[in-house]
C-alpha atoms as a PDB file:
ATOM      1  CA  MET A   1     -11.304  26.112  -2.536  1.00  0.00           C
ATOM      2  CA  SER A   2      -8.423  24.907  -0.377  1.00  0.00           C
ATOM      3  CA  GLY A   3      -6.529  21.691  -0.966  1.00  0.00           C
ATOM      4  CA  ALA A   4      -5.915  21.225   2.776  1.00  0.00           C
ATOM      5  CA  PRO A   5      -8.989  19.007   3.419  1.00  0.00           C
ATOM      6  CA  LEU A   6      -8.023  16.807   0.475  1.00  0.00           C
ATOM      7  CA  LEU A   7      -4.437  16.508   1.690  1.00  0.00           C
ATOM      8  CA  ALA A   8      -5.644  15.695   5.212  1.00  0.00           C
ATOM      9  CA  GLU A   9      -7.865  12.934   3.829  1.00  0.00           C
ATOM     10  CA  LEU A  10      -4.981  11.532   1.743  1.00  0.00           C
ATOM     11  CA  VAL A  11      -2.821  11.422   4.873  1.00  0.00           C
ATOM     12  CA  ARG A  12      -5.538   9.799   7.004  1.00  0.00           C
ATOM     13  CA  GLU A  13      -6.201   7.134   4.357  1.00  0.00           C
ATOM     14  CA  ASN A  14      -2.567   6.583   3.360  1.00  0.00           C
ATOM     15  CA  ALA A  15      -2.054   2.854   2.884  1.00  0.00           C
ATOM     16  CA  PHE A  16       1.459   2.872   4.359  1.00  0.00           C
ATOM     17  CA  LEU A  17       0.273   4.658   7.487  1.00  0.00           C
ATOM     18  CA  VAL A  18      -2.746   2.348   7.814  1.00  0.00           C
ATOM     19  CA  LEU A  19      -0.444  -0.676   7.638  1.00  0.00           C
ATOM     20  CA  GLY A  20       2.376   0.967   9.623  1.00  0.00           C
ATOM     21  CA  LEU A  21       4.927   0.307   6.871  1.00  0.00           C
ATOM     22  CA  ALA A  22       7.641   2.314   5.167  1.00  0.00           C
ATOM     23  CA  PRO A  23       7.080   3.296   1.501  1.00  0.00           C
ATOM     24  CA  GLY A  24      10.084   1.260   0.364  1.00  0.00           C
ATOM     25  CA  CYS A  25       8.769  -2.033   1.726  1.00  0.00           C
ATOM     26  CA  SER A  26       8.351  -5.066  -0.478  1.00  0.00           C
ATOM     27  CA  ARG A  27       5.058  -6.464  -1.699  1.00  0.00           C
ATOM     28  CA  MET A  28       5.632  -9.513   0.504  1.00  0.00           C
ATOM     29  CA  GLU A  29       5.967  -7.259   3.560  1.00  0.00           C
ATOM     30  CA  VAL A  30       2.721  -5.509   2.605  1.00  0.00           C
ATOM     31  CA  GLU A  31       0.842  -8.792   2.305  1.00  0.00           C
ATOM     32  CA  ARG A  32       2.330 -10.193   5.522  1.00  0.00           C
ATOM     33  CA  GLU A  33       1.528  -7.067   7.560  1.00  0.00           C
ATOM     34  CA  GLY A  34      -1.966  -6.853   6.094  1.00  0.00           C
ATOM     35  CA  ALA A  35      -2.679 -10.452   7.079  1.00  0.00           C
ATOM     36  CA  ARG A  36      -1.214  -9.874  10.554  1.00  0.00           C
ATOM     37  CA  LEU A  37      -3.339  -6.756  11.100  1.00  0.00           C
ATOM     38  CA  LEU A  38      -6.529  -8.410   9.864  1.00  0.00           C
ATOM     39  CA  ALA A  39      -5.938 -11.309  12.269  1.00  0.00           C
ATOM     40  CA  ALA A  40      -5.170  -8.907  15.140  1.00  0.00           C
ATOM     41  CA  LEU A  41      -8.308  -6.881  14.424  1.00  0.00           C
ATOM     42  CA  GLU A  42     -10.378 -10.074  14.319  1.00  0.00           C
ATOM     43  CA  LEU A  43      -8.995 -10.939  17.757  1.00  0.00           C
ATOM     44  CA  LYS A  44      -9.699  -7.365  18.911  1.00  0.00           C
ATOM     45  CA  LEU A  45      -6.086  -6.767  19.980  1.00  0.00           C
ATOM     46  CA  GLN A  46      -5.600  -3.241  21.330  1.00  0.00           C
ATOM     47  CA  ASP A  47      -2.297  -2.477  19.563  1.00  0.00           C
ATOM     48  CA  ALA A  48      -3.981  -3.026  16.193  1.00  0.00           C
ATOM     49  CA  ALA A  49      -6.974  -0.766  16.890  1.00  0.00           C
ATOM     50  CA  GLN A  50      -5.255   2.506  15.917  1.00  0.00           C
ATOM     51  CA  PHE A  51      -2.504   3.802  13.678  1.00  0.00           C
ATOM     52  CA  ALA A  52      -0.480   6.991  13.903  1.00  0.00           C
ATOM     53  CA  THR A  53      -0.611   9.869  11.442  1.00  0.00           C
ATOM     54  CA  PRO A  54       0.910  13.354  11.624  1.00  0.00           C
ATOM     55  CA  LEU A  55      -2.684  14.527  12.179  1.00  0.00           C
ATOM     56  CA  GLY A  56      -3.173  12.284  15.213  1.00  0.00           C
ATOM     57  CA  PRO A  57      -4.226   8.686  15.768  1.00  0.00           C
ATOM     58  CA  GLU A  58      -6.843   7.143  13.513  1.00  0.00           C
ATOM     59  CA  PRO A  59      -8.960   4.029  14.045  1.00  0.00           C
ATOM     60  CA  ARG A  60      -7.777   1.007  12.073  1.00  0.00           C
ATOM     61  CA  THR A  61     -10.604  -1.116  10.721  1.00  0.00           C
ATOM     62  CA  PRO A  62     -10.601  -4.285   8.616  1.00  0.00           C
ATOM     63  CA  GLU A  63     -12.097  -2.218   5.768  1.00  0.00           C
ATOM     64  CA  ARG A  64      -9.227   0.295   5.934  1.00  0.00           C
ATOM     65  CA  VAL A  65      -6.663  -2.523   5.955  1.00  0.00           C
ATOM     66  CA  ARG A  66      -8.300  -4.235   2.952  1.00  0.00           C
ATOM     67  CA  ARG A  67      -8.481  -0.935   1.055  1.00  0.00           C
ATOM     68  CA  ALA A  68      -4.807  -0.274   1.862  1.00  0.00           C
ATOM     69  CA  LEU A  69      -3.840  -3.712   0.568  1.00  0.00           C
ATOM     70  CA  ALA A  70      -5.805  -3.192  -2.641  1.00  0.00           C
ATOM     71  CA  ASP A  71      -4.250   0.234  -3.191  1.00  0.00           C
ATOM     72  CA  LEU A  72      -0.713  -1.089  -2.691  1.00  0.00           C
ATOM     73  CA  ARG A  73      -1.300  -3.925  -5.157  1.00  0.00           C
ATOM     74  CA  ASP A  74      -1.962  -1.378  -7.929  1.00  0.00           C
ATOM     75  CA  PRO A  75       1.334   0.221  -9.125  1.00  0.00           C
ATOM     76  CA  ALA A  76      -0.164   3.645  -9.929  1.00  0.00           C
ATOM     77  CA  ARG A  77      -2.052   3.910  -6.634  1.00  0.00           C
ATOM     78  CA  ARG A  78       1.010   2.657  -4.734  1.00  0.00           C
ATOM     79  CA  LEU A  79       3.069   5.467  -6.251  1.00  0.00           C
ATOM     80  CA  LEU A  80       0.537   8.039  -5.012  1.00  0.00           C
ATOM     81  CA  HIS A  81       0.541   6.476  -1.522  1.00  0.00           C
ATOM     82  CA  GLU A  82       4.361   6.484  -1.486  1.00  0.00           C
ATOM     83  CA  TRP A  83       4.415  10.193  -2.346  1.00  0.00           C
ATOM     84  CA  VAL A  84       1.804  11.047   0.299  1.00  0.00           C
ATOM     85  CA  ALA A  85       3.609   8.941   2.940  1.00  0.00           C
ATOM     86  CA  ARG A  86       6.851  10.799   2.267  1.00  0.00           C
ATOM     87  CA  GLN A  87       5.040  14.149   2.514  1.00  0.00           C
ATOM     88  CA  ALA A  88       3.383  12.989   5.739  1.00  0.00           C
ATOM     89  CA  ALA A  89       6.805  12.166   7.181  1.00  0.00           C
ATOM     90  CA  ALA A  90       7.820  15.779   6.567  1.00  0.00           C
ATOM     91  CA  LEU A  91       4.680  16.919   8.443  1.00  0.00           C
ATOM     92  CA  ALA A  92       5.366  14.692  11.464  1.00  0.00           C
ATOM     93  CA  PRO A  93       6.511  16.654  14.510  1.00  0.00           C
ATOM     94  CA  ALA A  94      10.164  16.227  15.370  1.00  0.00           C
ATOM     95  CA  ASP A  95      10.808  13.866  18.245  1.00  0.00           C
ATOM     96  CA  PRO A  96      12.676  15.885  20.896  1.00  0.00           C
ATOM     97  CA  ALA A  97      14.233  12.739  22.416  1.00  0.00           C
ATOM     98  CA  PRO A  98      14.855  10.139  19.692  1.00  0.00           C
ATOM     99  CA  ARG A  99      14.429   6.566  20.851  1.00  0.00           C
ATOM    100  CA  THR A 100      16.343   3.552  19.666  1.00  0.00           C
ATOM    101  CA  ALA A 101      13.133   1.543  19.402  1.00  0.00           C
ATOM    102  CA  THR A 102       9.586   2.612  18.663  1.00  0.00           C
ATOM    103  CA  PRO A 103       7.102   2.157  21.520  1.00  0.00           C
ATOM    104  CA  TRP A 104       4.608   0.342  19.282  1.00  0.00           C
ATOM    105  CA  ARG A 105       4.256  -0.619  15.638  1.00  0.00           C
ATOM    106  CA  GLY A 106       3.283   2.287  13.415  1.00  0.00           C
ATOM    107  CA  ALA A 107       4.281   4.982  15.905  1.00  0.00           C
ATOM    108  CA  PRO A 108       5.217   8.391  14.452  1.00  0.00           C
ATOM    109  CA  ALA A 109       8.865   7.717  15.266  1.00  0.00           C
ATOM    110  CA  ALA A 110       8.682   4.838  12.776  1.00  0.00           C
ATOM    111  CA  LEU A 111       8.137   7.363   9.988  1.00  0.00           C
ATOM    112  CA  GLY A 112      11.900   7.466   9.401  1.00  0.00           C
ATOM    113  CA  PHE A 113      11.132   5.379   6.288  1.00  0.00           C
ATOM    114  CA  GLY A 114      14.772   4.377   5.799  1.00  0.00           C
ATOM    115  CA  ARG A 115      14.494   1.651   8.387  1.00  0.00           C
ATOM    116  CA  ARG A 116      12.515  -1.551   8.183  1.00  0.00           C
ATOM    117  CA  ARG A 117      10.518  -2.728  11.145  1.00  0.00           C
ATOM    118  CA  ALA A 118      11.499  -5.784  13.084  1.00  0.00           C
ATOM    119  CA  PRO A 119       9.135  -8.743  12.549  1.00  0.00           C
END
């Protein structure tokens, strides 16, 4: 039995990727971004409808955002999501022409994880 399907699922459901945040972000940033995304999804804003993963774009739903928030509120689950997010960053394809700004929130280029996103 291969662990690849499990790893793929962990990447697709990674709370940091769902929220488009870096693993080192604060709890306040998590809560603020979660609230912003839930409001944007309620308003059916296009830029909130998907999030980037190394495996390709995934649909962002209110349920996924709520699950991500719950997971990041629990210290043990947050640690797992931090580890997976860092592994996912290593899987992300290299950007042949680095940009100074990401084209949209949560883009693969934002997986640099050392930088914080602009509000």
